[in-house]
Amino acid sequence: MKTFTLDEAQSLLPLVESLLKRVTDSKLAAEAIESELSALGRRIHVAGGMNVDVAKVAGQRAALEQHVQHAREILKEIDDIGVQVKDLDTGLLDFPCRVEDEVVLLCWKSGETTIEHWHTMEAGFKGRQPIDDRFRRRSTQDNRPN
């Protein structure tokens, strides 16, 4: 598992925030198409059948699959960086970080300007605590010349 210092995680925020926005946009577009197709299915069922623009529906299904695939690719890109997407709807990301021989998670939520919280692997979001000097001290030590 890749780990980050606080400074490294902070420097990645613009990139992962941009990726998160793109995956969220794809997810919303897919959900909108899925909703349209579901509504069409309900209308067909209630009406006992109806004429359907098959080409249009096929196009919508293809667009839906494209959005889903695009979202998967972006999520993989975020994962390949080493960042964990915990909740796409709220934009919750975790950055693994080693502090005092323990791996914890630096926790960032969309809308926050900086990473200000962390939690243990077990505690999750509810166990968020403010970043303390251990994290800042580690970043400073890691940047010292040898």
N, C-alpha and C. Protein backbone atom coordinates (compact mmCIF):
# COMPACT_ATOMS: atom_id res chain seq x y z
N MET A 1 0.85 -1.19 0.00
CA MET A 1 0.00 0.00 0.00
C MET A 1 0.89 1.24 0.00
N LYS A 2 0.64 2.12 -0.93
CA LYS A 2 1.36 3.38 -0.99
C LYS A 2 0.93 4.25 0.18
N THR A 3 1.89 4.94 0.77
CA THR A 3 1.56 5.89 1.83
C THR A 3 2.05 7.28 1.42
N PHE A 4 1.43 8.28 1.98
CA PHE A 4 1.73 9.67 1.66
C PHE A 4 2.08 10.43 2.94
N THR A 5 2.92 11.43 2.81
CA THR A 5 3.06 12.40 3.89
C THR A 5 1.90 13.38 3.75
N LEU A 6 1.69 14.18 4.75
CA LEU A 6 0.64 15.20 4.67
C LEU A 6 0.91 16.14 3.49
N ASP A 7 2.17 16.55 3.31
CA ASP A 7 2.51 17.46 2.20
C ASP A 7 2.26 16.81 0.84
N GLU A 8 2.61 15.52 0.71
CA GLU A 8 2.37 14.82 -0.55
C GLU A 8 0.88 14.73 -0.84
N ALA A 9 0.11 14.35 0.16
CA ALA A 9 -1.33 14.24 -0.02
C ALA A 9 -1.93 15.60 -0.39
N GLN A 10 -1.48 16.62 0.32
CA GLN A 10 -1.98 17.97 0.05
C GLN A 10 -1.66 18.40 -1.37
N SER A 11 -0.46 18.07 -1.85
CA SER A 11 -0.08 18.47 -3.21
C SER A 11 -0.88 17.73 -4.28
N LEU A 12 -1.42 16.56 -3.93
CA LEU A 12 -2.24 15.80 -4.89
C LEU A 12 -3.70 16.25 -4.93
N LEU A 13 -4.11 17.06 -3.97
CA LEU A 13 -5.52 17.46 -3.90
C LEU A 13 -6.06 18.06 -5.20
N PRO A 14 -5.37 19.00 -5.85
CA PRO A 14 -5.94 19.55 -7.10
C PRO A 14 -6.19 18.46 -8.15
N LEU A 15 -5.26 17.52 -8.28
CA LEU A 15 -5.42 16.45 -9.25
C LEU A 15 -6.58 15.54 -8.89
N VAL A 16 -6.61 15.03 -7.66
CA VAL A 16 -7.66 14.09 -7.30
C VAL A 16 -9.02 14.78 -7.21
N GLU A 17 -9.03 16.04 -6.87
CA GLU A 17 -10.29 16.78 -6.86
C GLU A 17 -10.85 16.91 -8.28
N SER A 18 -9.97 17.15 -9.24
CA SER A 18 -10.38 17.24 -10.64
C SER A 18 -10.89 15.87 -11.13
N LEU A 19 -10.18 14.81 -10.79
CA LEU A 19 -10.61 13.46 -11.17
C LEU A 19 -11.95 13.13 -10.51
N LEU A 20 -12.10 13.51 -9.26
CA LEU A 20 -13.34 13.25 -8.53
C LEU A 20 -14.51 13.97 -9.20
N LYS A 21 -14.29 15.19 -9.64
CA LYS A 21 -15.35 15.93 -10.33
C LYS A 21 -15.73 15.23 -11.63
N ARG A 22 -14.74 14.75 -12.36
CA ARG A 22 -15.02 14.06 -13.63
C ARG A 22 -15.80 12.77 -13.40
N VAL A 23 -15.42 12.00 -12.39
CA VAL A 23 -16.13 10.75 -12.13
C VAL A 23 -17.54 11.04 -11.64
N THR A 24 -17.71 12.09 -10.85
CA THR A 24 -19.03 12.46 -10.38
C THR A 24 -19.91 12.92 -11.54
N ASP A 25 -19.35 13.70 -12.46
CA ASP A 25 -20.10 14.13 -13.64
C ASP A 25 -20.56 12.93 -14.46
N SER A 26 -19.66 11.95 -14.65
CA SER A 26 -20.02 10.74 -15.41
C SER A 26 -21.10 9.96 -14.69
N LYS A 27 -20.98 9.87 -13.38
CA LYS A 27 -21.98 9.14 -12.58
C LYS A 27 -23.35 9.81 -12.70
N LEU A 28 -23.39 11.14 -12.59
CA LEU A 28 -24.66 11.87 -12.69
C LEU A 28 -25.27 11.72 -14.08
N ALA A 29 -24.43 11.78 -15.10
CA ALA A 29 -24.94 11.61 -16.48
C ALA A 29 -25.51 10.21 -16.66
N ALA A 30 -24.82 9.21 -16.14
CA ALA A 30 -25.32 7.83 -16.24
C ALA A 30 -26.64 7.68 -15.48
N GLU A 31 -26.73 8.27 -14.31
CA GLU A 31 -27.96 8.19 -13.51
C GLU A 31 -29.12 8.86 -14.23
N ALA A 32 -28.86 9.98 -14.90
CA ALA A 32 -29.93 10.68 -15.62
C ALA A 32 -30.45 9.82 -16.77
N ILE A 33 -29.55 9.19 -17.51
CA ILE A 33 -29.97 8.32 -18.62
C ILE A 33 -30.72 7.11 -18.07
N GLU A 34 -30.19 6.53 -17.01
CA GLU A 34 -30.85 5.37 -16.39
C GLU A 34 -32.26 5.72 -15.93
N SER A 35 -32.43 6.91 -15.39
CA SER A 35 -33.74 7.37 -14.95
C SER A 35 -34.70 7.50 -16.13
N GLU A 36 -34.21 8.06 -17.24
CA GLU A 36 -35.04 8.19 -18.45
C GLU A 36 -35.47 6.83 -18.97
N LEU A 37 -34.53 5.89 -19.01
CA LEU A 37 -34.85 4.55 -19.51
C LEU A 37 -35.83 3.83 -18.59
N SER A 38 -35.70 4.02 -17.28
CA SER A 38 -36.63 3.42 -16.32
C SER A 38 -38.03 4.01 -16.49
N ALA A 39 -38.08 5.32 -16.68
CA ALA A 39 -39.38 5.98 -16.88
C ALA A 39 -40.04 5.47 -18.16
N LEU A 40 -39.25 5.29 -19.19
CA LEU A 40 -39.78 4.75 -20.45
C LEU A 40 -40.32 3.33 -20.21
N GLY A 41 -39.58 2.52 -19.49
CA GLY A 41 -40.03 1.17 -19.18
C GLY A 41 -41.34 1.16 -18.42
N ARG A 42 -41.49 2.08 -17.47
CA ARG A 42 -42.75 2.18 -16.71
C ARG A 42 -43.91 2.60 -17.61
N ARG A 43 -43.65 3.57 -18.51
CA ARG A 43 -44.71 4.03 -19.43
C ARG A 43 -45.15 2.89 -20.34
N ILE A 44 -44.19 2.12 -20.83
CA ILE A 44 -44.51 0.98 -21.70
C ILE A 44 -45.36 -0.03 -20.93
N HIS A 45 -44.98 -0.30 -19.70
CA HIS A 45 -45.70 -1.27 -18.87
C HIS A 45 -47.13 -0.80 -18.60
N VAL A 46 -47.27 0.46 -18.20
CA VAL A 46 -48.59 1.01 -17.87
C VAL A 46 -49.49 1.05 -19.10
N ALA A 47 -48.90 1.42 -20.24
CA ALA A 47 -49.68 1.53 -21.47
C ALA A 47 -49.94 0.16 -22.10
N GLY A 48 -49.27 -0.86 -21.62
CA GLY A 48 -49.44 -2.18 -22.21
C GLY A 48 -48.72 -2.29 -23.54
N GLY A 49 -47.71 -1.44 -23.71
CA GLY A 49 -46.94 -1.43 -24.95
C GLY A 49 -47.09 -0.09 -25.64
N MET A 50 -46.16 0.24 -26.47
CA MET A 50 -46.20 1.49 -27.23
C MET A 50 -45.08 1.50 -28.24
N ASN A 51 -45.20 2.39 -29.20
CA ASN A 51 -44.13 2.55 -30.19
C ASN A 51 -42.95 3.24 -29.52
N VAL A 52 -41.77 2.69 -29.76
CA VAL A 52 -40.55 3.22 -29.15
C VAL A 52 -39.54 3.50 -30.25
N ASP A 53 -38.85 4.60 -30.12
CA ASP A 53 -37.76 4.93 -31.04
C ASP A 53 -36.57 4.06 -30.63
N VAL A 54 -36.47 2.91 -31.28
CA VAL A 54 -35.47 1.91 -30.91
C VAL A 54 -34.06 2.46 -31.05
N ALA A 55 -33.81 3.23 -32.09
CA ALA A 55 -32.47 3.81 -32.30
C ALA A 55 -32.11 4.76 -31.16
N LYS A 56 -33.09 5.55 -30.73
CA LYS A 56 -32.84 6.48 -29.64
C LYS A 56 -32.53 5.72 -28.34
N VAL A 57 -33.30 4.70 -28.06
CA VAL A 57 -33.07 3.90 -26.84
C VAL A 57 -31.71 3.22 -26.91
N ALA A 58 -31.36 2.69 -28.06
CA ALA A 58 -30.05 2.05 -28.22
C ALA A 58 -28.93 3.06 -28.00
N GLY A 59 -29.13 4.27 -28.50
CA GLY A 59 -28.15 5.35 -28.29
C GLY A 59 -28.02 5.71 -26.82
N GLN A 60 -29.17 5.75 -26.13
CA GLN A 60 -29.14 6.06 -24.70
C GLN A 60 -28.41 4.96 -23.92
N ARG A 61 -28.69 3.71 -24.28
CA ARG A 61 -28.01 2.59 -23.60
C ARG A 61 -26.50 2.63 -23.85
N ALA A 62 -26.10 2.97 -25.06
CA ALA A 62 -24.68 3.08 -25.38
C ALA A 62 -24.04 4.23 -24.61
N ALA A 63 -24.74 5.36 -24.53
CA ALA A 63 -24.23 6.51 -23.77
C ALA A 63 -24.11 6.16 -22.29
N LEU A 64 -25.11 5.46 -21.78
CA LEU A 64 -25.08 5.02 -20.38
C LEU A 64 -23.84 4.19 -20.12
N GLU A 65 -23.58 3.22 -20.97
CA GLU A 65 -22.41 2.35 -20.81
C GLU A 65 -21.11 3.14 -20.92
N GLN A 66 -21.07 4.12 -21.81
CA GLN A 66 -19.87 4.96 -21.94
C GLN A 66 -19.61 5.74 -20.65
N HIS A 67 -20.65 6.31 -20.08
CA HIS A 67 -20.48 7.06 -18.83
C HIS A 67 -20.03 6.15 -17.69
N VAL A 68 -20.61 4.96 -17.61
CA VAL A 68 -20.22 4.01 -16.56
C VAL A 68 -18.77 3.60 -16.75
N GLN A 69 -18.39 3.30 -17.98
CA GLN A 69 -17.00 2.89 -18.25
C GLN A 69 -16.03 4.03 -17.95
N HIS A 70 -16.40 5.24 -18.32
CA HIS A 70 -15.56 6.41 -18.04
C HIS A 70 -15.37 6.58 -16.53
N ALA A 71 -16.44 6.44 -15.78
CA ALA A 71 -16.35 6.56 -14.32
C ALA A 71 -15.43 5.48 -13.75
N ARG A 72 -15.56 4.26 -14.25
CA ARG A 72 -14.69 3.16 -13.77
C ARG A 72 -13.22 3.47 -14.05
N GLU A 73 -12.94 3.99 -15.23
CA GLU A 73 -11.55 4.30 -15.60
C GLU A 73 -10.97 5.38 -14.69
N ILE A 74 -11.77 6.38 -14.39
CA ILE A 74 -11.29 7.47 -13.53
C ILE A 74 -11.09 6.95 -12.10
N LEU A 75 -12.01 6.12 -11.62
CA LEU A 75 -11.85 5.54 -10.28
C LEU A 75 -10.58 4.70 -10.22
N LYS A 76 -10.28 3.98 -11.28
CA LYS A 76 -9.05 3.19 -11.32
C LYS A 76 -7.84 4.11 -11.30
N GLU A 77 -7.91 5.22 -12.01
CA GLU A 77 -6.81 6.18 -12.02
C GLU A 77 -6.55 6.72 -10.61
N ILE A 78 -7.61 7.05 -9.89
CA ILE A 78 -7.47 7.52 -8.51
C ILE A 78 -6.86 6.42 -7.65
N ASP A 79 -7.36 5.20 -7.81
CA ASP A 79 -6.84 4.06 -7.06
C ASP A 79 -5.37 3.81 -7.38
N ASP A 80 -4.99 3.94 -8.65
CA ASP A 80 -3.59 3.73 -9.05
C ASP A 80 -2.66 4.76 -8.42
N ILE A 81 -3.16 5.95 -8.15
CA ILE A 81 -2.37 6.97 -7.46
C ILE A 81 -2.11 6.54 -6.02
N GLY A 82 -3.03 5.73 -5.48
CA GLY A 82 -2.91 5.27 -4.10
C GLY A 82 -3.93 5.90 -3.18
N VAL A 83 -4.84 6.68 -3.75
CA VAL A 83 -5.88 7.36 -2.97
C VAL A 83 -7.12 6.47 -2.96
N GLN A 84 -7.78 6.41 -1.82
CA GLN A 84 -8.97 5.57 -1.65
C GLN A 84 -10.23 6.43 -1.72
N VAL A 85 -11.13 6.08 -2.64
CA VAL A 85 -12.43 6.75 -2.71
C VAL A 85 -13.35 6.01 -1.75
N LYS A 86 -13.79 6.72 -0.71
CA LYS A 86 -14.64 6.09 0.30
C LYS A 86 -16.12 6.32 0.05
N ASP A 87 -16.47 7.51 -0.47
CA ASP A 87 -17.87 7.81 -0.75
C ASP A 87 -17.91 8.80 -1.91
N LEU A 88 -18.34 8.31 -3.04
CA LEU A 88 -18.38 9.13 -4.24
C LEU A 88 -19.42 10.24 -4.13
N ASP A 89 -20.56 9.95 -3.50
CA ASP A 89 -21.62 10.95 -3.41
C ASP A 89 -21.21 12.17 -2.58
N THR A 90 -20.44 11.96 -1.52
CA THR A 90 -20.01 13.09 -0.69
C THR A 90 -18.60 13.55 -1.03
N GLY A 91 -17.93 12.81 -1.93
CA GLY A 91 -16.57 13.19 -2.30
C GLY A 91 -15.58 12.93 -1.19
N LEU A 92 -15.67 11.78 -0.57
CA LEU A 92 -14.82 11.44 0.58
C LEU A 92 -13.64 10.60 0.11
N LEU A 93 -12.42 11.11 0.36
CA LEU A 93 -11.20 10.43 -0.04
C LEU A 93 -10.30 10.21 1.17
N ASP A 94 -9.55 9.10 1.14
CA ASP A 94 -8.56 8.81 2.18
C ASP A 94 -7.20 8.60 1.53
N PHE A 95 -6.18 9.13 2.19
CA PHE A 95 -4.80 8.99 1.77
C PHE A 95 -4.06 8.21 2.86
N PRO A 96 -3.64 6.98 2.59
CA PRO A 96 -2.89 6.24 3.61
C PRO A 96 -1.62 7.00 4.00
N CYS A 97 -1.32 6.99 5.28
CA CYS A 97 -0.18 7.74 5.82
C CYS A 97 0.43 6.94 6.98
N ARG A 98 1.74 6.84 7.00
CA ARG A 98 2.40 6.13 8.09
C ARG A 98 2.82 7.16 9.15
N VAL A 99 2.34 6.96 10.36
CA VAL A 99 2.68 7.84 11.48
C VAL A 99 3.00 6.95 12.68
N GLU A 100 4.19 7.16 13.23
CA GLU A 100 4.61 6.38 14.41
C GLU A 100 4.37 4.88 14.21
N ASP A 101 4.88 4.35 13.12
CA ASP A 101 4.80 2.92 12.79
C ASP A 101 3.38 2.38 12.66
N GLU A 102 2.44 3.25 12.39
CA GLU A 102 1.06 2.82 12.17
C GLU A 102 0.56 3.47 10.88
N VAL A 103 -0.19 2.72 10.10
CA VAL A 103 -0.81 3.30 8.90
C VAL A 103 -2.19 3.80 9.29
N VAL A 104 -2.38 5.09 9.07
CA VAL A 104 -3.68 5.74 9.32
C VAL A 104 -4.12 6.37 8.01
N LEU A 105 -5.26 6.99 8.01
CA LEU A 105 -5.79 7.59 6.79
C LEU A 105 -6.00 9.09 6.96
N LEU A 106 -5.33 9.86 6.10
CA LEU A 106 -5.61 11.28 6.02
C LEU A 106 -6.94 11.40 5.29
N CYS A 107 -7.85 12.16 5.86
CA CYS A 107 -9.23 12.16 5.39
C CYS A 107 -9.60 13.53 4.82
N TRP A 108 -10.09 13.54 3.59
CA TRP A 108 -10.50 14.77 2.92
C TRP A 108 -11.88 14.58 2.32
N LYS A 109 -12.69 15.62 2.45
CA LYS A 109 -14.04 15.60 1.90
C LYS A 109 -14.18 16.77 0.93
N SER A 110 -14.82 16.51 -0.20
CA SER A 110 -15.03 17.54 -1.20
C SER A 110 -15.59 18.80 -0.56
N GLY A 111 -15.02 19.93 -0.93
CA GLY A 111 -15.44 21.21 -0.35
C GLY A 111 -14.45 21.73 0.68
N GLU A 112 -13.65 20.82 1.24
CA GLU A 112 -12.61 21.24 2.19
C GLU A 112 -11.42 21.75 1.39
N THR A 113 -10.80 22.82 1.85
CA THR A 113 -9.70 23.42 1.09
C THR A 113 -8.38 22.70 1.32
N THR A 114 -8.22 22.09 2.48
CA THR A 114 -7.00 21.36 2.80
C THR A 114 -7.35 20.09 3.57
N ILE A 115 -6.36 19.23 3.71
CA ILE A 115 -6.55 18.03 4.51
C ILE A 115 -6.32 18.41 5.97
N GLU A 116 -7.35 18.33 6.75
CA GLU A 116 -7.29 18.75 8.16
C GLU A 116 -7.64 17.64 9.13
N HIS A 117 -7.94 16.43 8.61
CA HIS A 117 -8.38 15.35 9.50
C HIS A 117 -7.71 14.03 9.14
N TRP A 118 -7.73 13.14 10.10
CA TRP A 118 -7.23 11.78 9.90
C TRP A 118 -8.08 10.85 10.75
N HIS A 119 -7.97 9.56 10.48
CA HIS A 119 -8.62 8.56 11.32
C HIS A 119 -7.89 7.23 11.16
N THR A 120 -8.09 6.35 12.11
CA THR A 120 -7.49 5.03 12.01
C THR A 120 -8.21 4.25 10.91
N MET A 121 -7.60 3.16 10.52
CA MET A 121 -8.21 2.31 9.48
C MET A 121 -9.56 1.78 9.96
N GLU A 122 -9.67 1.50 11.23
CA GLU A 122 -10.89 0.91 11.77
C GLU A 122 -11.97 1.94 12.07
N ALA A 123 -11.58 3.15 12.45
CA ALA A 123 -12.54 4.14 12.93
C ALA A 123 -13.42 4.71 11.82
N GLY A 124 -12.87 4.91 10.65
CA GLY A 124 -13.64 5.49 9.56
C GLY A 124 -13.95 6.96 9.80
N PHE A 125 -14.81 7.49 8.95
CA PHE A 125 -15.14 8.92 8.96
C PHE A 125 -15.62 9.40 10.32
N LYS A 126 -16.40 8.58 11.01
CA LYS A 126 -16.92 8.99 12.32
C LYS A 126 -15.81 9.20 13.35
N GLY A 127 -14.66 8.58 13.10
CA GLY A 127 -13.53 8.71 14.03
C GLY A 127 -12.53 9.78 13.62
N ARG A 128 -12.95 10.68 12.73
CA ARG A 128 -12.04 11.75 12.27
C ARG A 128 -11.53 12.58 13.43
N GLN A 129 -10.24 12.87 13.36
CA GLN A 129 -9.59 13.71 14.36
C GLN A 129 -8.79 14.79 13.63
N PRO A 130 -8.58 15.92 14.28
CA PRO A 130 -7.79 16.98 13.62
C PRO A 130 -6.34 16.53 13.42
N ILE A 131 -5.76 16.98 12.32
CA ILE A 131 -4.33 16.74 12.07
C ILE A 131 -3.55 17.37 13.22
N ASP A 132 -2.57 16.64 13.72
CA ASP A 132 -1.75 17.18 14.81
C ASP A 132 -0.29 17.26 14.38
N ASP A 133 0.57 17.67 15.30
CA ASP A 133 1.98 17.90 14.99
C ASP A 133 2.72 16.66 14.48
N ARG A 134 2.26 15.47 14.83
CA ARG A 134 2.93 14.26 14.35
C ARG A 134 2.96 14.22 12.83
N PHE A 135 1.91 14.68 12.21
CA PHE A 135 1.83 14.65 10.75
C PHE A 135 2.70 15.74 10.14
N ARG A 136 2.67 16.91 10.73
CA ARG A 136 3.48 18.02 10.22
C ARG A 136 4.96 17.75 10.45
N ARG A 137 5.29 17.20 11.59
CA ARG A 137 6.67 16.89 11.93
C ARG A 137 7.22 15.85 10.94
N ARG A 138 6.43 14.86 10.61
CA ARG A 138 6.86 13.82 9.67
C ARG A 138 7.14 14.43 8.31
N SER A 139 6.30 15.33 7.85
CA SER A 139 6.49 15.95 6.54
C SER A 139 7.79 16.76 6.53
N THR A 140 8.06 17.45 7.63
CA THR A 140 9.27 18.25 7.73
C THR A 140 10.50 17.35 7.74
N GLN A 141 10.45 16.27 8.51
CA GLN A 141 11.58 15.35 8.59
C GLN A 141 11.84 14.68 7.24
N ASP A 142 10.79 14.34 6.53
CA ASP A 142 10.95 13.66 5.25
C ASP A 142 11.58 14.57 4.21
N ASN A 143 11.49 15.87 4.41
CA ASN A 143 12.03 16.81 3.43
C ASN A 143 13.43 17.31 3.79
N ARG A 144 14.01 16.82 4.89
CA ARG A 144 15.36 17.24 5.26
C ARG A 144 16.38 16.63 4.30
N PRO A 145 17.44 17.42 3.94
CA PRO A 145 18.50 16.84 3.10
C PRO A 145 19.30 15.84 3.92
N ASN A 146 19.86 14.82 3.25
CA ASN A 146 20.68 13.81 3.95
C ASN A 146 22.10 14.24 4.08
